[in-house]
Amino acid sequence: MSRNEGPIVEIPGISVLETVVTFFVIPTVMFVAISVLAYAMSKPKKVKTSAITVIE
């Protein structure tokens, strides 16, 4: 008999592959994707010259 009181549910552990994917691969991919999006949104845009706004 168990010394624990109340209902206890046995939960199987996760494998090494699941651990690596969950705690390393997914956060790394998310970080890279967010970094690329942030860089793409904030990089300087090329200035377009127009005959109306620029006098040569």
C-alpha atoms as a PDB file:
ATOM      1  CA  MET A   1       0.000   0.000   0.000  1.00  0.00           C
ATOM      2  CA  SER A   2       1.122   3.537  -0.778  1.00  0.00           C
ATOM      3  CA  ARG A   3       1.868   6.044   1.944  1.00  0.00           C
ATOM      4  CA  ASN A   4       0.469   8.916  -0.169  1.00  0.00           C
ATOM      5  CA  GLU A   5      -2.983  10.235   0.556  1.00  0.00           C
ATOM      6  CA  GLY A   6      -5.530  11.024  -2.120  1.00  0.00           C
ATOM      7  CA  PRO A   7      -5.639  10.045  -5.753  1.00  0.00           C
ATOM      8  CA  ILE A   8      -2.256   9.875  -7.446  1.00  0.00           C
ATOM      9  CA  VAL A   9      -1.960   9.705 -11.197  1.00  0.00           C
ATOM     10  CA  GLU A  10       1.153   8.203 -12.693  1.00  0.00           C
ATOM     11  CA  ILE A  11       2.368  10.344 -15.582  1.00  0.00           C
ATOM     12  CA  PRO A  12       4.936   8.841 -17.913  1.00  0.00           C
ATOM     13  CA  GLY A  13       8.077  10.907 -18.467  1.00  0.00           C
ATOM     14  CA  ILE A  14       9.123  12.301 -21.816  1.00  0.00           C
ATOM     15  CA  SER A  15      11.978  10.942 -23.880  1.00  0.00           C
ATOM     16  CA  VAL A  16      15.293  12.666 -24.507  1.00  0.00           C
ATOM     17  CA  LEU A  17      14.234  13.575 -28.050  1.00  0.00           C
ATOM     18  CA  GLU A  18      10.987  15.136 -26.827  1.00  0.00           C
ATOM     19  CA  THR A  19      12.917  17.069 -24.176  1.00  0.00           C
ATOM     20  CA  VAL A  20      15.429  18.434 -26.693  1.00  0.00           C
ATOM     21  CA  VAL A  21      12.713  19.409 -29.157  1.00  0.00           C
ATOM     22  CA  THR A  22      10.505  21.007 -26.493  1.00  0.00           C
ATOM     23  CA  PHE A  23      13.164  22.957 -24.602  1.00  0.00           C
ATOM     24  CA  PHE A  24      15.835  23.650 -27.244  1.00  0.00           C
ATOM     25  CA  VAL A  25      14.666  23.365 -30.845  1.00  0.00           C
ATOM     26  CA  ILE A  26      11.280  25.087 -30.575  1.00  0.00           C
ATOM     27  CA  PRO A  27      12.537  28.101 -28.550  1.00  0.00           C
ATOM     28  CA  THR A  28      15.549  28.493 -30.866  1.00  0.00           C
ATOM     29  CA  VAL A  29      13.385  28.449 -34.003  1.00  0.00           C
ATOM     30  CA  MET A  30      10.966  30.932 -32.443  1.00  0.00           C
ATOM     31  CA  PHE A  31      13.836  33.256 -31.455  1.00  0.00           C
ATOM     32  CA  VAL A  32      15.334  33.179 -34.948  1.00  0.00           C
ATOM     33  CA  ALA A  33      11.951  33.754 -36.617  1.00  0.00           C
ATOM     34  CA  ILE A  34      11.120  36.705 -34.360  1.00  0.00           C
ATOM     35  CA  SER A  35      14.610  38.160 -34.857  1.00  0.00           C
ATOM     36  CA  VAL A  36      14.329  37.943 -38.645  1.00  0.00           C
ATOM     37  CA  LEU A  37      10.875  39.534 -38.599  1.00  0.00           C
ATOM     38  CA  ALA A  38      12.029  42.340 -36.291  1.00  0.00           C
ATOM     39  CA  TYR A  39      15.062  43.029 -38.491  1.00  0.00           C
ATOM     40  CA  ALA A  40      12.969  43.003 -41.661  1.00  0.00           C
ATOM     41  CA  MET A  41      10.461  45.431 -40.158  1.00  0.00           C
ATOM     42  CA  SER A  42      13.093  47.866 -38.854  1.00  0.00           C
ATOM     43  CA  LYS A  43      15.821  47.908 -41.516  1.00  0.00           C
ATOM     44  CA  PRO A  44      16.231  51.216 -43.301  1.00  0.00           C
ATOM     45  CA  LYS A  45      14.306  51.559 -46.508  1.00  0.00           C
ATOM     46  CA  LYS A  46      15.853  52.904 -49.716  1.00  0.00           C
ATOM     47  CA  VAL A  47      15.026  56.522 -50.340  1.00  0.00           C
ATOM     48  CA  LYS A  48      13.242  56.968 -53.614  1.00  0.00           C
ATOM     49  CA  THR A  49      13.985  60.218 -55.357  1.00  0.00           C
ATOM     50  CA  SER A  50      11.346  61.992 -57.318  1.00  0.00           C
ATOM     51  CA  ALA A  51      11.511  64.854 -59.746  1.00  0.00           C
ATOM     52  CA  ILE A  52       8.844  66.564 -57.687  1.00  0.00           C
ATOM     53  CA  THR A  53      10.675  66.456 -54.325  1.00  0.00           C
ATOM     54  CA  VAL A  54      14.313  66.778 -55.463  1.00  0.00           C
ATOM     55  CA  ILE A  55      15.733  69.705 -57.382  1.00  0.00           C
ATOM     56  CA  GLU A  56      19.004  69.032 -59.140  1.00  0.00           C
END
